[in-house]
Amino acid sequence: MQCRPGCGACCISPSISSFIPGMPAGKPAGQRCVNLTQDHRCGIFGHPERPQVCSAFSADFAVCGNSREDAIRLLDWLEGATAATA
């Protein structure tokens, strides 16, 4: 599956604990990455400073569904299901 143009769900829903340019401490779940453009594209795609976790992400129906809304819902669910509890 190819990434859905203009989706950006993977840049919003999951938490990222590693350094992101402009977000040195990473980002919490549900917060938009500062590198996500207005048209929901990664502004650092293909750049060496892009986090490894982002580069390793592959679009798949299981996490992206049929639409941007599905992707946000599925990724939100996965984030909650895998979050560490205090």
PDB file of N, CA and C in Angstrom:
ATOM      1  N   MET A   1       0.843  -1.182   0.000  1.00  0.00           N
ATOM      2  CA  MET A   1       0.000   0.000   0.000  1.00  0.00           C
ATOM      3  C   MET A   1       0.889   1.246   0.000  1.00  0.00           C
ATOM      4  N   GLN A   2       0.537   2.224  -0.787  1.00  0.00           N
ATOM      5  CA  GLN A   2       1.237   3.507  -0.810  1.00  0.00           C
ATOM      6  C   GLN A   2       0.588   4.462   0.180  1.00  0.00           C
ATOM      7  N   CYS A   3       1.371   5.411   0.689  1.00  0.00           N
ATOM      8  CA  CYS A   3       0.801   6.431   1.572  1.00  0.00           C
ATOM      9  C   CYS A   3      -0.278   7.191   0.814  1.00  0.00           C
ATOM     10  N   ARG A   4      -1.325   7.524   1.522  1.00  0.00           N
ATOM     11  CA  ARG A   4      -2.438   8.284   0.959  1.00  0.00           C
ATOM     12  C   ARG A   4      -2.028   9.762   0.929  1.00  0.00           C
ATOM     13  N   PRO A   5      -1.953  10.384  -0.234  1.00  0.00           N
ATOM     14  CA  PRO A   5      -1.580  11.806  -0.285  1.00  0.00           C
ATOM     15  C   PRO A   5      -2.517  12.654   0.579  1.00  0.00           C
ATOM     16  N   GLY A   6      -1.926  13.546   1.340  1.00  0.00           N
ATOM     17  CA  GLY A   6      -2.710  14.455   2.161  1.00  0.00           C
ATOM     18  C   GLY A   6      -3.297  13.826   3.405  1.00  0.00           C
ATOM     19  N   CYS A   7      -2.747  12.706   3.868  1.00  0.00           N
ATOM     20  CA  CYS A   7      -3.290  12.041   5.054  1.00  0.00           C
ATOM     21  C   CYS A   7      -2.640  12.592   6.326  1.00  0.00           C
ATOM     22  N   GLY A   8      -1.387  12.280   6.557  1.00  0.00           N
ATOM     23  CA  GLY A   8      -0.666  12.794   7.714  1.00  0.00           C
ATOM     24  C   GLY A   8      -1.053  12.196   9.049  1.00  0.00           C
ATOM     25  N   ALA A   9      -1.899  11.182   9.072  1.00  0.00           N
ATOM     26  CA  ALA A   9      -2.322  10.586  10.340  1.00  0.00           C
ATOM     27  C   ALA A   9      -1.134  10.081  11.153  1.00  0.00           C
ATOM     28  N   CYS A  10      -0.135   9.518  10.480  1.00  0.00           N
ATOM     29  CA  CYS A  10       1.037   8.991  11.185  1.00  0.00           C
ATOM     30  C   CYS A  10       1.911  10.099  11.755  1.00  0.00           C
ATOM     31  N   CYS A  11       1.655  11.346  11.377  1.00  0.00           N
ATOM     32  CA  CYS A  11       2.388  12.494  11.896  1.00  0.00           C
ATOM     33  C   CYS A  11       1.597  13.214  12.993  1.00  0.00           C
ATOM     34  N   ILE A  12       0.439  12.672  13.331  1.00  0.00           N
ATOM     35  CA  ILE A  12      -0.415  13.274  14.352  1.00  0.00           C
ATOM     36  C   ILE A  12      -0.709  12.276  15.473  1.00  0.00           C
ATOM     37  N   SER A  13      -1.238  11.119  15.147  1.00  0.00           N
ATOM     38  CA  SER A  13      -1.755  10.188  16.152  1.00  0.00           C
ATOM     39  C   SER A  13      -0.710   9.579  17.075  1.00  0.00           C
ATOM     40  N   PRO A  14       0.376   9.008  16.570  1.00  0.00           N
ATOM     41  CA  PRO A  14       1.303   8.339  17.497  1.00  0.00           C
ATOM     42  C   PRO A  14       2.224   9.298  18.236  1.00  0.00           C
ATOM     43  N   SER A  15       2.646   8.852  19.415  1.00  0.00           N
ATOM     44  CA  SER A  15       3.699   9.583  20.120  1.00  0.00           C
ATOM     45  C   SER A  15       5.027   9.191  19.475  1.00  0.00           C
ATOM     46  N   ILE A  16       5.983  10.096  19.512  1.00  0.00           N
ATOM     47  CA  ILE A  16       7.326   9.822  19.011  1.00  0.00           C
ATOM     48  C   ILE A  16       8.280  10.276  20.099  1.00  0.00           C
ATOM     49  N   SER A  17       9.070   9.350  20.627  1.00  0.00           N
ATOM     50  CA  SER A  17       9.934   9.675  21.762  1.00  0.00           C
ATOM     51  C   SER A  17      11.323  10.149  21.346  1.00  0.00           C
ATOM     52  N   SER A  18      11.664  10.013  20.084  1.00  0.00           N
ATOM     53  CA  SER A  18      12.990  10.430  19.620  1.00  0.00           C
ATOM     54  C   SER A  18      12.981  11.874  19.125  1.00  0.00           C
ATOM     55  N   PHE A  19      14.173  12.416  18.943  1.00  0.00           N
ATOM     56  CA  PHE A  19      14.361  13.779  18.437  1.00  0.00           C
ATOM     57  C   PHE A  19      13.692  13.941  17.077  1.00  0.00           C
ATOM     58  N   ILE A  20      12.995  15.040  16.931  1.00  0.00           N
ATOM     59  CA  ILE A  20      12.410  15.449  15.657  1.00  0.00           C
ATOM     60  C   ILE A  20      12.879  16.885  15.436  1.00  0.00           C
ATOM     61  N   PRO A  21      13.363  17.249  14.248  1.00  0.00           N
ATOM     62  CA  PRO A  21      13.725  18.647  14.033  1.00  0.00           C
ATOM     63  C   PRO A  21      12.566  19.582  14.405  1.00  0.00           C
ATOM     64  N   GLY A  22      12.849  20.520  15.292  1.00  0.00           N
ATOM     65  CA  GLY A  22      11.825  21.444  15.772  1.00  0.00           C
ATOM     66  C   GLY A  22      11.078  20.930  16.990  1.00  0.00           C
ATOM     67  N   MET A  23      11.294  19.670  17.331  1.00  0.00           N
ATOM     68  CA  MET A  23      10.666  19.045  18.506  1.00  0.00           C
ATOM     69  C   MET A  23      11.719  18.145  19.161  1.00  0.00           C
ATOM     70  N   PRO A  24      12.712  18.729  19.818  1.00  0.00           N
ATOM     71  CA  PRO A  24      13.843  17.939  20.323  1.00  0.00           C
ATOM     72  C   PRO A  24      13.470  16.839  21.312  1.00  0.00           C
ATOM     73  N   ALA A  25      12.365  16.977  22.009  1.00  0.00           N
ATOM     74  CA  ALA A  25      11.944  15.951  22.972  1.00  0.00           C
ATOM     75  C   ALA A  25      10.934  14.977  22.359  1.00  0.00           C
ATOM     76  N   GLY A  26      10.740  15.049  21.059  1.00  0.00           N
ATOM     77  CA  GLY A  26       9.736  14.212  20.412  1.00  0.00           C
ATOM     78  C   GLY A  26       8.371  14.875  20.492  1.00  0.00           C
ATOM     79  N   LYS A  27       7.301  14.081  20.367  1.00  0.00           N
ATOM     80  CA  LYS A  27       5.951  14.643  20.415  1.00  0.00           C
ATOM     81  C   LYS A  27       4.992  13.675  21.086  1.00  0.00           C
ATOM     82  N   PRO A  28       4.035  14.202  21.822  1.00  0.00           N
ATOM     83  CA  PRO A  28       3.027  13.328  22.421  1.00  0.00           C
ATOM     84  C   PRO A  28       1.991  12.885  21.391  1.00  0.00           C
ATOM     85  N   ALA A  29       1.306  11.816  21.708  1.00  0.00           N
ATOM     86  CA  ALA A  29       0.234  11.314  20.851  1.00  0.00           C
ATOM     87  C   ALA A  29      -0.820  12.396  20.665  1.00  0.00           C
ATOM     88  N   GLY A  30      -1.325  12.495  19.452  1.00  0.00           N
ATOM     89  CA  GLY A  30      -2.388  13.448  19.154  1.00  0.00           C
ATOM     90  C   GLY A  30      -1.914  14.840  18.807  1.00  0.00           C
ATOM     91  N   GLN A  31      -0.636  15.121  18.980  1.00  0.00           N
ATOM     92  CA  GLN A  31      -0.087  16.438  18.638  1.00  0.00           C
ATOM     93  C   GLN A  31       0.488  16.387  17.230  1.00  0.00           C
ATOM     94  N   ARG A  32       0.169  17.379  16.459  1.00  0.00           N
ATOM     95  CA  ARG A  32       0.668  17.484  15.088  1.00  0.00           C
ATOM     96  C   ARG A  32       2.174  17.751  15.096  1.00  0.00           C
ATOM     97  N   CYS A  33       2.924  17.004  14.295  1.00  0.00           N
ATOM     98  CA  CYS A  33       4.355  17.238  14.154  1.00  0.00           C
ATOM     99  C   CYS A  33       4.558  18.604  13.502  1.00  0.00           C
ATOM    100  N   VAL A  34       5.552  19.346  13.970  1.00  0.00           N
ATOM    101  CA  VAL A  34       5.806  20.681  13.410  1.00  0.00           C
ATOM    102  C   VAL A  34       6.275  20.605  11.956  1.00  0.00           C
ATOM    103  N   ASN A  35       6.708  19.432  11.515  1.00  0.00           N
ATOM    104  CA  ASN A  35       7.180  19.272  10.137  1.00  0.00           C
ATOM    105  C   ASN A  35       6.081  18.839   9.174  1.00  0.00           C
ATOM    106  N   LEU A  36       4.872  18.661   9.683  1.00  0.00           N
ATOM    107  CA  LEU A  36       3.742  18.305   8.832  1.00  0.00           C
ATOM    108  C   LEU A  36       3.241  19.579   8.153  1.00  0.00           C
ATOM    109  N   THR A  37       3.220  19.554   6.842  1.00  0.00           N
ATOM    110  CA  THR A  37       2.825  20.750   6.098  1.00  0.00           C
ATOM    111  C   THR A  37       1.308  20.937   6.126  1.00  0.00           C
ATOM    112  N   GLN A  38       0.853  22.086   5.680  1.00  0.00           N
ATOM    113  CA  GLN A  38      -0.580  22.387   5.660  1.00  0.00           C
ATOM    114  C   GLN A  38      -1.373  21.395   4.805  1.00  0.00           C
ATOM    115  N   ASP A  39      -0.721  20.831   3.787  1.00  0.00           N
ATOM    116  CA  ASP A  39      -1.411  19.844   2.954  1.00  0.00           C
ATOM    117  C   ASP A  39      -1.142  18.415   3.439  1.00  0.00           C
ATOM    118  N   HIS A  40      -0.753  18.289   4.714  1.00  0.00           N
ATOM    119  CA  HIS A  40      -0.570  16.997   5.400  1.00  0.00           C
ATOM    120  C   HIS A  40       0.506  16.121   4.764  1.00  0.00           C
ATOM    121  N   ARG A  41       1.623  16.730   4.436  1.00  0.00           N
ATOM    122  CA  ARG A  41       2.780  15.991   3.927  1.00  0.00           C
ATOM    123  C   ARG A  41       3.972  16.243   4.844  1.00  0.00           C
ATOM    124  N   CYS A  42       4.885  15.282   4.890  1.00  0.00           N
ATOM    125  CA  CYS A  42       6.064  15.416   5.734  1.00  0.00           C
ATOM    126  C   CYS A  42       7.043  16.399   5.095  1.00  0.00           C
ATOM    127  N   GLY A  43       7.356  17.452   5.818  1.00  0.00           N
ATOM    128  CA  GLY A  43       8.275  18.469   5.321  1.00  0.00           C
ATOM    129  C   GLY A  43       9.730  18.050   5.360  1.00  0.00           C
ATOM    130  N   ILE A  44      10.029  16.931   6.049  1.00  0.00           N
ATOM    131  CA  ILE A  44      11.418  16.449   6.109  1.00  0.00           C
ATOM    132  C   ILE A  44      11.554  15.055   5.491  1.00  0.00           C
ATOM    133  N   PHE A  45      10.553  14.660   4.704  1.00  0.00           N
ATOM    134  CA  PHE A  45      10.602  13.353   4.039  1.00  0.00           C
ATOM    135  C   PHE A  45      11.873  13.265   3.195  1.00  0.00           C
ATOM    136  N   GLY A  46      12.610  12.168   3.354  1.00  0.00           N
ATOM    137  CA  GLY A  46      13.834  11.958   2.584  1.00  0.00           C
ATOM    138  C   GLY A  46      15.056  12.662   3.144  1.00  0.00           C
ATOM    139  N   HIS A  47      14.903  13.459   4.202  1.00  0.00           N
ATOM    140  CA  HIS A  47      16.040  14.153   4.810  1.00  0.00           C
ATOM    141  C   HIS A  47      16.682  13.251   5.862  1.00  0.00           C
ATOM    142  N   PRO A  48      17.995  13.337   6.025  1.00  0.00           N
ATOM    143  CA  PRO A  48      18.677  12.463   6.988  1.00  0.00           C
ATOM    144  C   PRO A  48      18.256  12.699   8.444  1.00  0.00           C
ATOM    145  N   GLU A  49      17.767  13.881   8.770  1.00  0.00           N
ATOM    146  CA  GLU A  49      17.368  14.160  10.154  1.00  0.00           C
ATOM    147  C   GLU A  49      15.962  13.651  10.487  1.00  0.00           C
ATOM    148  N   ARG A  50      15.273  13.113   9.516  1.00  0.00           N
ATOM    149  CA  ARG A  50      13.953  12.528   9.777  1.00  0.00           C
ATOM    150  C   ARG A  50      14.128  11.349  10.734  1.00  0.00           C
ATOM    151  N   PRO A  51      13.307  11.256  11.785  1.00  0.00           N
ATOM    152  CA  PRO A  51      13.463  10.165  12.748  1.00  0.00           C
ATOM    153  C   PRO A  51      13.361   8.786  12.103  1.00  0.00           C
ATOM    154  N   GLN A  52      14.155   7.861  12.606  1.00  0.00           N
ATOM    155  CA  GLN A  52      14.159   6.493  12.084  1.00  0.00           C
ATOM    156  C   GLN A  52      12.774   5.863  12.191  1.00  0.00           C
ATOM    157  N   VAL A  53      12.070   6.131  13.279  1.00  0.00           N
ATOM    158  CA  VAL A  53      10.737   5.551  13.451  1.00  0.00           C
ATOM    159  C   VAL A  53       9.801   6.006  12.331  1.00  0.00           C
ATOM    160  N   CYS A  54       9.961   7.223  11.871  1.00  0.00           N
ATOM    161  CA  CYS A  54       9.138   7.738  10.765  1.00  0.00           C
ATOM    162  C   CYS A  54       9.549   7.092   9.447  1.00  0.00           C
ATOM    163  N   SER A  55      10.856   6.998   9.231  1.00  0.00           N
ATOM    164  CA  SER A  55      11.354   6.390   7.993  1.00  0.00           C
ATOM    165  C   SER A  55      10.959   4.925   7.889  1.00  0.00           C
ATOM    166  N   ALA A  56      10.866   4.245   9.020  1.00  0.00           N
ATOM    167  CA  ALA A  56      10.552   2.818   9.027  1.00  0.00           C
ATOM    168  C   ALA A  56       9.054   2.539   8.885  1.00  0.00           C
ATOM    169  N   PHE A  57       8.213   3.537   9.097  1.00  0.00           N
ATOM    170  CA  PHE A  57       6.769   3.323   9.014  1.00  0.00           C
ATOM    171  C   PHE A  57       6.370   3.018   7.575  1.00  0.00           C
ATOM    172  N   SER A  58       5.586   1.983   7.399  1.00  0.00           N
ATOM    173  CA  SER A  58       5.068   1.625   6.077  1.00  0.00           C
ATOM    174  C   SER A  58       3.550   1.654   6.121  1.00  0.00           C
ATOM    175  N   ALA A  59       2.965   2.323   5.165  1.00  0.00           N
ATOM    176  CA  ALA A  59       1.504   2.346   5.069  1.00  0.00           C
ATOM    177  C   ALA A  59       1.003   0.919   4.881  1.00  0.00           C
ATOM    178  N   ASP A  60      -0.032   0.571   5.600  1.00  0.00           N
ATOM    179  CA  ASP A  60      -0.623  -0.756   5.521  1.00  0.00           C
ATOM    180  C   ASP A  60      -2.104  -0.620   5.842  1.00  0.00           C
ATOM    181  N   PHE A  61      -2.929  -1.387   5.176  1.00  0.00           N
ATOM    182  CA  PHE A  61      -4.361  -1.296   5.395  1.00  0.00           C
ATOM    183  C   PHE A  61      -4.719  -1.490   6.872  1.00  0.00           C
ATOM    184  N   ALA A  62      -3.975  -2.346   7.580  1.00  0.00           N
ATOM    185  CA  ALA A  62      -4.275  -2.619   8.988  1.00  0.00           C
ATOM    186  C   ALA A  62      -4.180  -1.379   9.863  1.00  0.00           C
ATOM    187  N   VAL A  63      -3.344  -0.422   9.499  1.00  0.00           N
ATOM    188  CA  VAL A  63      -3.197   0.805  10.303  1.00  0.00           C
ATOM    189  C   VAL A  63      -3.675   2.058   9.577  1.00  0.00           C
ATOM    190  N   CYS A  64      -3.920   1.944   8.280  1.00  0.00           N
ATOM    191  CA  CYS A  64      -4.334   3.117   7.503  1.00  0.00           C
ATOM    192  C   CYS A  64      -5.786   3.050   7.034  1.00  0.00           C
ATOM    193  N   GLY A  65      -6.351   1.862   6.983  1.00  0.00           N
ATOM    194  CA  GLY A  65      -7.743   1.719   6.578  1.00  0.00           C
ATOM    195  C   GLY A  65      -8.025   2.256   5.187  1.00  0.00           C
ATOM    196  N   ASN A  66      -9.259   2.703   4.998  1.00  0.00           N
ATOM    197  CA  ASN A  66      -9.719   3.184   3.688  1.00  0.00           C
ATOM    198  C   ASN A  66      -9.673   4.695   3.525  1.00  0.00           C
ATOM    199  N   SER A  67      -9.374   5.423   4.603  1.00  0.00           N
ATOM    200  CA  SER A  67      -9.427   6.883   4.537  1.00  0.00           C
ATOM    201  C   SER A  67      -8.534   7.490   5.608  1.00  0.00           C
ATOM    202  N   ARG A  68      -8.341   8.782   5.529  1.00  0.00           N
ATOM    203  CA  ARG A  68      -7.585   9.507   6.555  1.00  0.00           C
ATOM    204  C   ARG A  68      -8.256   9.340   7.914  1.00  0.00           C
ATOM    205  N   GLU A  69      -9.580   9.403   7.940  1.00  0.00           N
ATOM    206  CA  GLU A  69     -10.325   9.248   9.186  1.00  0.00           C
ATOM    207  C   GLU A  69     -10.092   7.864   9.787  1.00  0.00           C
ATOM    208  N   ASP A  70     -10.109   6.821   8.928  1.00  0.00           N
ATOM    209  CA  ASP A  70      -9.800   5.465   9.402  1.00  0.00           C
ATOM    210  C   ASP A  70      -8.402   5.415   9.987  1.00  0.00           C
ATOM    211  N   ALA A  71      -7.436   6.013   9.298  1.00  0.00           N
ATOM    212  CA  ALA A  71      -6.047   5.979   9.754  1.00  0.00           C
ATOM    213  C   ALA A  71      -5.912   6.637  11.121  1.00  0.00           C
ATOM    214  N   ILE A  72      -6.538   7.789  11.313  1.00  0.00           N
ATOM    215  CA  ILE A  72      -6.462   8.463  12.608  1.00  0.00           C
ATOM    216  C   ILE A  72      -7.101   7.602  13.691  1.00  0.00           C
ATOM    217  N   ARG A  73      -8.249   7.031  13.396  1.00  0.00           N
ATOM    218  CA  ARG A  73      -8.936   6.177  14.377  1.00  0.00           C
ATOM    219  C   ARG A  73      -8.081   4.954  14.726  1.00  0.00           C
ATOM    220  N   LEU A  74      -7.548   4.268  13.708  1.00  0.00           N
ATOM    221  CA  LEU A  74      -6.749   3.064  13.941  1.00  0.00           C
ATOM    222  C   LEU A  74      -5.442   3.377  14.668  1.00  0.00           C
ATOM    223  N   LEU A  75      -4.761   4.429  14.249  1.00  0.00           N
ATOM    224  CA  LEU A  75      -3.505   4.786  14.901  1.00  0.00           C
ATOM    225  C   LEU A  75      -3.740   5.286  16.328  1.00  0.00           C
ATOM    226  N   ASP A  76      -4.827   5.997  16.571  1.00  0.00           N
ATOM    227  CA  ASP A  76      -5.179   6.402  17.937  1.00  0.00           C
ATOM    228  C   ASP A  76      -5.399   5.167  18.802  1.00  0.00           C
ATOM    229  N   TRP A  77      -6.130   4.177  18.252  1.00  0.00           N
ATOM    230  CA  TRP A  77      -6.383   2.946  18.998  1.00  0.00           C
ATOM    231  C   TRP A  77      -5.077   2.216  19.309  1.00  0.00           C
ATOM    232  N   LEU A  78      -4.200   2.080  18.309  1.00  0.00           N
ATOM    233  CA  LEU A  78      -2.919   1.409  18.525  1.00  0.00           C
ATOM    234  C   LEU A  78      -2.077   2.136  19.562  1.00  0.00           C
ATOM    235  N   GLU A  79      -2.070   3.445  19.507  1.00  0.00           N
ATOM    236  CA  GLU A  79      -1.312   4.236  20.482  1.00  0.00           C
ATOM    237  C   GLU A  79      -1.830   3.941  21.888  1.00  0.00           C
ATOM    238  N   GLY A  80      -3.128   3.960  22.071  1.00  0.00           N
ATOM    239  CA  GLY A  80      -3.704   3.685  23.382  1.00  0.00           C
ATOM    240  C   GLY A  80      -3.452   2.255  23.835  1.00  0.00           C
ATOM    241  N   ALA A  81      -3.523   1.318  22.920  1.00  0.00           N
ATOM    242  CA  ALA A  81      -3.333  -0.092  23.266  1.00  0.00           C
ATOM    243  C   ALA A  81      -1.894  -0.418  23.631  1.00  0.00           C
ATOM    244  N   THR A  82      -0.953   0.380  23.157  1.00  0.00           N
ATOM    245  CA  THR A  82       0.464   0.093  23.420  1.00  0.00           C
ATOM    246  C   THR A  82       1.109   1.082  24.377  1.00  0.00           C
ATOM    247  N   ALA A  83       0.359   2.056  24.859  1.00  0.00           N
ATOM    248  CA  ALA A  83       0.922   3.069  25.774  1.00  0.00           C
ATOM    249  C   ALA A  83       1.245   2.435  27.117  1.00  0.00           C
ATOM    250  N   ALA A  84       2.347   2.881  27.676  1.00  0.00           N
ATOM    251  CA  ALA A  84       2.736   2.418  29.013  1.00  0.00           C
ATOM    252  C   ALA A  84       1.779   3.021  30.037  1.00  0.00           C
ATOM    253  N   THR A  85       1.410   2.240  31.002  1.00  0.00           N
ATOM    254  CA  THR A  85       0.543   2.750  32.065  1.00  0.00           C
ATOM    255  C   THR A  85       1.386   3.083  33.281  1.00  0.00           C
ATOM    256  N   ALA A  86       0.986   4.122  33.970  1.00  0.00           N
ATOM    257  CA  ALA A  86       1.767   4.567  35.131  1.00  0.00           C
ATOM    258  C   ALA A  86       1.395   3.798  36.371  1.00  0.00           C
TER     259      ALA A  86
END
